[in-house]
């Protein structure tokens, strides 16, 4: 699974609607991770998601399901 999809999946897990919307934009390609990092209120969430991604504990089936569910519906 690619890095952006995994980051979007992790960001979507946040209990913040703005972050969830940003995750959906990220997975659909409407915004880049670089653009998101330039928004100060998103940066802590992105850093935490990147830290979690480095742990490599993601269930790839859940990431696939997330991408499949939201890639074309947003």
C-alpha atoms as a PDB file:
ATOM      1  CA  UNK A   1       0.000   0.000   0.000  1.00  0.00           C
ATOM      2  CA  UNK A   2       1.341   3.430  -0.855  1.00  0.00           C
ATOM      3  CA  UNK A   3       2.373   5.971   1.751  1.00  0.00           C
ATOM      4  CA  UNK A   4      -0.278   8.571   0.903  1.00  0.00           C
ATOM      5  CA  UNK A   5      -3.140   6.088   1.217  1.00  0.00           C
ATOM      6  CA  UNK A   6      -1.807   4.928   4.570  1.00  0.00           C
ATOM      7  CA  UNK A   7      -1.425   8.499   5.825  1.00  0.00           C
ATOM      8  CA  UNK A   8      -4.930   9.361   4.643  1.00  0.00           C
ATOM      9  CA  UNK A   9      -6.280   6.300   6.440  1.00  0.00           C
ATOM     10  CA  UNK A  10      -4.510   7.283   9.657  1.00  0.00           C
ATOM     11  CA  UNK A  11      -5.661  10.891   9.394  1.00  0.00           C
ATOM     12  CA  UNK A  12      -9.238   9.737   8.862  1.00  0.00           C
ATOM     13  CA  UNK A  13      -9.082   7.989  12.250  1.00  0.00           C
ATOM     14  CA  UNK A  14      -8.880  11.393  13.977  1.00  0.00           C
ATOM     15  CA  UNK A  15     -11.990  12.547  15.777  1.00  0.00           C
ATOM     16  CA  UNK A  16     -11.803  15.879  14.007  1.00  0.00           C
ATOM     17  CA  UNK A  17     -14.118  16.444  11.045  1.00  0.00           C
ATOM     18  CA  UNK A  18     -11.724  18.889   9.341  1.00  0.00           C
ATOM     19  CA  UNK A  19      -8.910  16.339   9.498  1.00  0.00           C
ATOM     20  CA  UNK A  20     -11.222  13.631   8.185  1.00  0.00           C
ATOM     21  CA  UNK A  21     -12.197  15.871   5.260  1.00  0.00           C
ATOM     22  CA  UNK A  22      -8.528  16.583   4.578  1.00  0.00           C
ATOM     23  CA  UNK A  23      -7.859  12.827   4.605  1.00  0.00           C
ATOM     24  CA  UNK A  24     -10.580  12.297   2.014  1.00  0.00           C
ATOM     25  CA  UNK A  25      -9.131  15.063  -0.145  1.00  0.00           C
ATOM     26  CA  UNK A  26      -5.707  13.473   0.216  1.00  0.00           C
ATOM     27  CA  UNK A  27      -6.863  10.015  -0.834  1.00  0.00           C
ATOM     28  CA  UNK A  28      -8.755  11.431  -3.820  1.00  0.00           C
ATOM     29  CA  UNK A  29      -5.757  13.505  -4.943  1.00  0.00           C
ATOM     30  CA  UNK A  30      -7.402  16.885  -4.445  1.00  0.00           C
ATOM     31  CA  UNK A  31      -4.648  17.996  -2.083  1.00  0.00           C
ATOM     32  CA  UNK A  32      -1.078  16.873  -1.517  1.00  0.00           C
ATOM     33  CA  UNK A  33       0.607  15.965   1.741  1.00  0.00           C
ATOM     34  CA  UNK A  34       2.953  18.906   1.144  1.00  0.00           C
ATOM     35  CA  UNK A  35      -0.004  21.292   0.953  1.00  0.00           C
ATOM     36  CA  UNK A  36      -1.485  19.820   4.125  1.00  0.00           C
ATOM     37  CA  UNK A  37       1.803  20.252   5.963  1.00  0.00           C
ATOM     38  CA  UNK A  38       1.639  23.967   5.169  1.00  0.00           C
ATOM     39  CA  UNK A  39      -1.600  24.293   7.170  1.00  0.00           C
ATOM     40  CA  UNK A  40      -0.498  24.772  10.797  1.00  0.00           C
ATOM     41  CA  UNK A  41      -3.539  23.172  12.458  1.00  0.00           C
ATOM     42  CA  UNK A  42      -3.054  19.955  10.421  1.00  0.00           C
ATOM     43  CA  UNK A  43       0.660  19.558  11.085  1.00  0.00           C
ATOM     44  CA  UNK A  44       0.397  17.820  14.508  1.00  0.00           C
ATOM     45  CA  UNK A  45      -2.033  15.276  13.055  1.00  0.00           C
ATOM     46  CA  UNK A  46       0.226  14.621  10.078  1.00  0.00           C
ATOM     47  CA  UNK A  47       3.302  14.194  12.269  1.00  0.00           C
ATOM     48  CA  UNK A  48       1.432  11.722  14.476  1.00  0.00           C
ATOM     49  CA  UNK A  49       0.208   9.789  11.418  1.00  0.00           C
ATOM     50  CA  UNK A  50       3.749   9.649  10.009  1.00  0.00           C
ATOM     51  CA  UNK A  51       5.034   8.394  13.354  1.00  0.00           C
ATOM     52  CA  UNK A  52       2.360   5.680  13.407  1.00  0.00           C
ATOM     53  CA  UNK A  53       3.165   4.730   9.817  1.00  0.00           C
ATOM     54  CA  UNK A  54       6.811   4.177  10.744  1.00  0.00           C
ATOM     55  CA  UNK A  55       5.713   1.619  13.338  1.00  0.00           C
ATOM     56  CA  UNK A  56       4.385  -0.433  10.407  1.00  0.00           C
ATOM     57  CA  UNK A  57       1.438  -1.829  12.347  1.00  0.00           C
ATOM     58  CA  UNK A  58      -1.285  -0.998   9.832  1.00  0.00           C
ATOM     59  CA  UNK A  59      -3.723  -3.609   8.669  1.00  0.00           C
ATOM     60  CA  UNK A  60      -3.431  -3.295   4.893  1.00  0.00           C
ATOM     61  CA  UNK A  61      -6.904  -4.750   4.372  1.00  0.00           C
ATOM     62  CA  UNK A  62      -8.379  -1.887   6.389  1.00  0.00           C
ATOM     63  CA  UNK A  63      -6.396   0.629   4.328  1.00  0.00           C
ATOM     64  CA  UNK A  64      -7.600  -1.027   1.086  1.00  0.00           C
ATOM     65  CA  UNK A  65     -11.199  -0.871   2.323  1.00  0.00           C
ATOM     66  CA  UNK A  66     -10.792   2.792   3.258  1.00  0.00           C
ATOM     67  CA  UNK A  67      -9.351   3.699  -0.145  1.00  0.00           C
ATOM     68  CA  UNK A  68     -11.977   1.674  -1.968  1.00  0.00           C
ATOM     69  CA  UNK A  69     -14.762   3.311   0.038  1.00  0.00           C
ATOM     70  CA  UNK A  70     -13.643   6.886  -0.425  1.00  0.00           C
ATOM     71  CA  UNK A  71     -11.481   7.117  -3.544  1.00  0.00           C
ATOM     72  CA  UNK A  72     -14.333   7.788  -5.943  1.00  0.00           C
ATOM     73  CA  UNK A  73     -17.073   8.933  -3.608  1.00  0.00           C
ATOM     74  CA  UNK A  74     -15.642  12.202  -2.307  1.00  0.00           C
END
